[in-house]
Amino acid sequence: MKARLVALGIVGTALIAAAPAGAQALADPTRPPNTAPAGETQDTGPAGSQLQSILISRSRRLALINGESVSVGSAIGDARVVKITETEVTLQRGDETEVLRLFPGIEKQPARRGARISQKPSQQGRQQ
């Protein structure tokens, strides 16, 4: 009887181990939002240039386009980098100008005058 239970336990364990787990792949939370997961391709539009990052310091301005570090005056494909700002890079191809935005769906707008900034509840009582 004891040998039969042991054999049944071994067979049960083997069946459970052999069954497919059915788990789904987890997305990498540290992956930048504009990159495709490993093994997938990403459509970058007709021009094929994708702005991935911008670095601005007192002495230089750099941009990462399609995985290549470029500065003002550098060539990227058949285009030349003519301007780098905090949120975009301007490329010149002959008579054509292309603007690559770091955050394509977000437009920077000036603050409205007289707009009130809401305060946290903990700060409201302090102004009296």
C-alpha atoms as a PDB file:
ATOM      1  CA  MET A   1       0.000   0.000   0.000  1.00  0.00           C
ATOM      2  CA  LYS A   2       2.793   2.409   0.931  1.00  0.00           C
ATOM      3  CA  ALA A   3       4.687   1.607  -2.278  1.00  0.00           C
ATOM      4  CA  ARG A   4       1.531   2.235  -4.278  1.00  0.00           C
ATOM      5  CA  LEU A   5       1.064   5.717  -2.723  1.00  0.00           C
ATOM      6  CA  VAL A   6       4.709   6.580  -3.390  1.00  0.00           C
ATOM      7  CA  ALA A   7       4.370   5.470  -7.031  1.00  0.00           C
ATOM      8  CA  LEU A   8       1.146   7.457  -7.371  1.00  0.00           C
ATOM      9  CA  GLY A   9       2.886  10.531  -5.895  1.00  0.00           C
ATOM     10  CA  ILE A  10       5.772  10.218  -8.350  1.00  0.00           C
ATOM     11  CA  VAL A  11       3.435   9.865 -11.340  1.00  0.00           C
ATOM     12  CA  GLY A  12       1.345  12.840 -10.157  1.00  0.00           C
ATOM     13  CA  THR A  13       4.434  15.005  -9.726  1.00  0.00           C
ATOM     14  CA  ALA A  14       5.676  14.028 -13.207  1.00  0.00           C
ATOM     15  CA  LEU A  15       2.313  14.946 -14.756  1.00  0.00           C
ATOM     16  CA  ILE A  16       2.236  18.326 -13.053  1.00  0.00           C
ATOM     17  CA  ALA A  17       5.824  19.095 -14.106  1.00  0.00           C
ATOM     18  CA  ALA A  18       5.137  18.074 -17.715  1.00  0.00           C
ATOM     19  CA  ALA A  19       2.002  20.228 -18.069  1.00  0.00           C
ATOM     20  CA  PRO A  20       2.512  23.550 -19.856  1.00  0.00           C
ATOM     21  CA  ALA A  21       2.769  26.448 -17.474  1.00  0.00           C
ATOM     22  CA  GLY A  22       0.608  28.791 -19.565  1.00  0.00           C
ATOM     23  CA  ALA A  23       2.407  31.860 -18.225  1.00  0.00           C
ATOM     24  CA  GLN A  24       2.641  34.970 -20.350  1.00  0.00           C
ATOM     25  CA  ALA A  25       5.818  36.933 -20.958  1.00  0.00           C
ATOM     26  CA  LEU A  26       6.255  39.977 -18.731  1.00  0.00           C
ATOM     27  CA  ALA A  27       7.141  43.354 -20.223  1.00  0.00           C
ATOM     28  CA  ASP A  28      10.385  44.906 -19.028  1.00  0.00           C
ATOM     29  CA  PRO A  29       9.341  47.902 -16.870  1.00  0.00           C
ATOM     30  CA  THR A  30      12.735  49.581 -17.375  1.00  0.00           C
ATOM     31  CA  ARG A  31      12.536  49.540 -21.199  1.00  0.00           C
ATOM     32  CA  PRO A  32      12.169  53.025 -22.715  1.00  0.00           C
ATOM     33  CA  PRO A  33       8.650  53.611 -24.094  1.00  0.00           C
ATOM     34  CA  ASN A  34       9.745  54.216 -27.694  1.00  0.00           C
ATOM     35  CA  THR A  35      11.562  50.905 -28.220  1.00  0.00           C
ATOM     36  CA  ALA A  36      10.132  47.624 -29.420  1.00  0.00           C
ATOM     37  CA  PRO A  37      10.508  44.512 -27.258  1.00  0.00           C
ATOM     38  CA  ALA A  38      13.229  42.052 -28.253  1.00  0.00           C
ATOM     39  CA  GLY A  39      12.291  40.097 -31.351  1.00  0.00           C
ATOM     40  CA  GLU A  40       9.729  42.655 -32.563  1.00  0.00           C
ATOM     41  CA  THR A  41      10.187  45.308 -35.198  1.00  0.00           C
ATOM     42  CA  GLN A  42       8.822  48.805 -34.872  1.00  0.00           C
ATOM     43  CA  ASP A  43       7.442  50.959 -37.679  1.00  0.00           C
ATOM     44  CA  THR A  44       9.240  54.280 -37.410  1.00  0.00           C
ATOM     45  CA  GLY A  45       7.376  56.020 -40.196  1.00  0.00           C
ATOM     46  CA  PRO A  46       8.290  56.861 -43.760  1.00  0.00           C
ATOM     47  CA  ALA A  47      11.590  58.600 -43.010  1.00  0.00           C
ATOM     48  CA  GLY A  48      12.717  55.818 -40.673  1.00  0.00           C
ATOM     49  CA  SER A  49      14.380  58.161 -38.180  1.00  0.00           C
ATOM     50  CA  GLN A  50      13.456  57.825 -34.516  1.00  0.00           C
ATOM     51  CA  LEU A  51      14.571  60.255 -31.823  1.00  0.00           C
ATOM     52  CA  GLN A  52      15.297  58.257 -28.670  1.00  0.00           C
ATOM     53  CA  SER A  53      17.066  60.658 -26.303  1.00  0.00           C
ATOM     54  CA  ILE A  54      18.501  64.185 -25.976  1.00  0.00           C
ATOM     55  CA  LEU A  55      21.439  65.271 -23.801  1.00  0.00           C
ATOM     56  CA  ILE A  56      22.107  68.979 -23.281  1.00  0.00           C
ATOM     57  CA  SER A  57      24.954  70.360 -21.190  1.00  0.00           C
ATOM     58  CA  ARG A  58      26.775  73.696 -21.079  1.00  0.00           C
ATOM     59  CA  SER A  59      29.377  72.560 -23.590  1.00  0.00           C
ATOM     60  CA  ARG A  60      27.449  70.278 -25.958  1.00  0.00           C
ATOM     61  CA  ARG A  61      24.125  69.082 -27.326  1.00  0.00           C
ATOM     62  CA  LEU A  62      23.720  65.426 -28.309  1.00  0.00           C
ATOM     63  CA  ALA A  63      20.822  63.364 -29.594  1.00  0.00           C
ATOM     64  CA  LEU A  64      20.365  59.632 -29.934  1.00  0.00           C
ATOM     65  CA  ILE A  65      18.709  58.878 -33.295  1.00  0.00           C
ATOM     66  CA  ASN A  66      18.210  55.261 -34.374  1.00  0.00           C
ATOM     67  CA  GLY A  67      20.779  54.204 -31.762  1.00  0.00           C
ATOM     68  CA  GLU A  68      23.448  56.605 -33.075  1.00  0.00           C
ATOM     69  CA  SER A  69      24.781  59.544 -31.054  1.00  0.00           C
ATOM     70  CA  VAL A  70      24.796  62.758 -33.127  1.00  0.00           C
ATOM     71  CA  SER A  71      25.493  66.449 -32.534  1.00  0.00           C
ATOM     72  CA  VAL A  72      24.673  69.607 -34.501  1.00  0.00           C
ATOM     73  CA  GLY A  73      26.359  69.331 -37.894  1.00  0.00           C
ATOM     74  CA  SER A  74      26.509  65.515 -37.851  1.00  0.00           C
ATOM     75  CA  ALA A  75      25.122  63.416 -40.680  1.00  0.00           C
ATOM     76  CA  ILE A  76      22.457  60.778 -40.033  1.00  0.00           C
ATOM     77  CA  GLY A  77      21.863  58.875 -43.260  1.00  0.00           C
ATOM     78  CA  ASP A  78      21.444  61.463 -46.006  1.00  0.00           C
ATOM     79  CA  ALA A  79      20.324  64.182 -43.565  1.00  0.00           C
ATOM     80  CA  ARG A  80      22.290  66.689 -41.491  1.00  0.00           C
ATOM     81  CA  VAL A  81      21.450  67.692 -37.898  1.00  0.00           C
ATOM     82  CA  VAL A  82      20.841  71.456 -37.883  1.00  0.00           C
ATOM     83  CA  LYS A  83      19.238  72.044 -34.452  1.00  0.00           C
ATOM     84  CA  ILE A  84      18.846  70.239 -31.112  1.00  0.00           C
ATOM     85  CA  THR A  85      16.448  71.570 -28.445  1.00  0.00           C
ATOM     86  CA  GLU A  86      15.153  70.066 -25.187  1.00  0.00           C
ATOM     87  CA  THR A  87      12.365  68.172 -26.952  1.00  0.00           C
ATOM     88  CA  GLU A  88      13.203  67.946 -30.664  1.00  0.00           C
ATOM     89  CA  VAL A  89      15.882  67.604 -33.325  1.00  0.00           C
ATOM     90  CA  THR A  90      15.712  69.279 -36.735  1.00  0.00           C
ATOM     91  CA  LEU A  91      17.183  67.436 -39.723  1.00  0.00           C
ATOM     92  CA  GLN A  92      17.890  68.970 -43.145  1.00  0.00           C
ATOM     93  CA  ARG A  93      17.763  66.853 -46.348  1.00  0.00           C
ATOM     94  CA  GLY A  94      18.479  69.153 -49.272  1.00  0.00           C
ATOM     95  CA  ASP A  95      15.513  71.550 -49.333  1.00  0.00           C
ATOM     96  CA  GLU A  96      13.452  69.354 -46.965  1.00  0.00           C
ATOM     97  CA  THR A  97      13.307  69.866 -43.197  1.00  0.00           C
ATOM     98  CA  GLU A  98      12.244  67.099 -40.826  1.00  0.00           C
ATOM     99  CA  VAL A  99      11.553  67.647 -37.120  1.00  0.00           C
ATOM    100  CA  LEU A 100      11.904  64.624 -34.830  1.00  0.00           C
ATOM    101  CA  ARG A 101      10.088  65.006 -31.499  1.00  0.00           C
ATOM    102  CA  LEU A 102      11.091  63.208 -28.319  1.00  0.00           C
ATOM    103  CA  PHE A 103       7.429  63.017 -27.241  1.00  0.00           C
ATOM    104  CA  PRO A 104       5.439  63.080 -30.504  1.00  0.00           C
ATOM    105  CA  GLY A 105       1.979  63.138 -28.895  1.00  0.00           C
ATOM    106  CA  ILE A 106       2.725  66.037 -26.527  1.00  0.00           C
ATOM    107  CA  GLU A 107       2.859  69.671 -27.589  1.00  0.00           C
ATOM    108  CA  LYS A 108       4.602  72.203 -25.345  1.00  0.00           C
ATOM    109  CA  GLN A 109       2.381  75.204 -24.575  1.00  0.00           C
ATOM    110  CA  PRO A 110       3.094  78.347 -22.551  1.00  0.00           C
ATOM    111  CA  ALA A 111       1.428  78.694 -19.159  1.00  0.00           C
ATOM    112  CA  ARG A 112      -1.639  80.949 -19.051  1.00  0.00           C
ATOM    113  CA  ARG A 113      -1.373  84.120 -17.022  1.00  0.00           C
ATOM    114  CA  GLY A 114      -3.553  84.215 -13.969  1.00  0.00           C
ATOM    115  CA  ALA A 115      -3.909  80.432 -13.845  1.00  0.00           C
ATOM    116  CA  ARG A 116      -4.109  79.220 -10.272  1.00  0.00           C
ATOM    117  CA  ILE A 117      -2.073  76.246  -9.217  1.00  0.00           C
ATOM    118  CA  SER A 118      -3.992  73.903  -6.950  1.00  0.00           C
ATOM    119  CA  GLN A 119      -2.375  73.230  -3.613  1.00  0.00           C
ATOM    120  CA  LYS A 120      -2.185  70.056  -1.617  1.00  0.00           C
ATOM    121  CA  PRO A 121      -4.656  69.909   1.290  1.00  0.00           C
ATOM    122  CA  SER A 122      -1.757  69.931   3.766  1.00  0.00           C
ATOM    123  CA  GLN A 123      -0.596  73.349   2.458  1.00  0.00           C
ATOM    124  CA  GLN A 124      -3.997  75.071   2.403  1.00  0.00           C
ATOM    125  CA  GLY A 125      -4.149  75.661   6.169  1.00  0.00           C
ATOM    126  CA  ARG A 126      -0.676  77.219   6.296  1.00  0.00           C
ATOM    127  CA  GLN A 127      -1.555  80.325   4.276  1.00  0.00           C
ATOM    128  CA  GLN A 128      -3.963  81.830   6.802  1.00  0.00           C
END
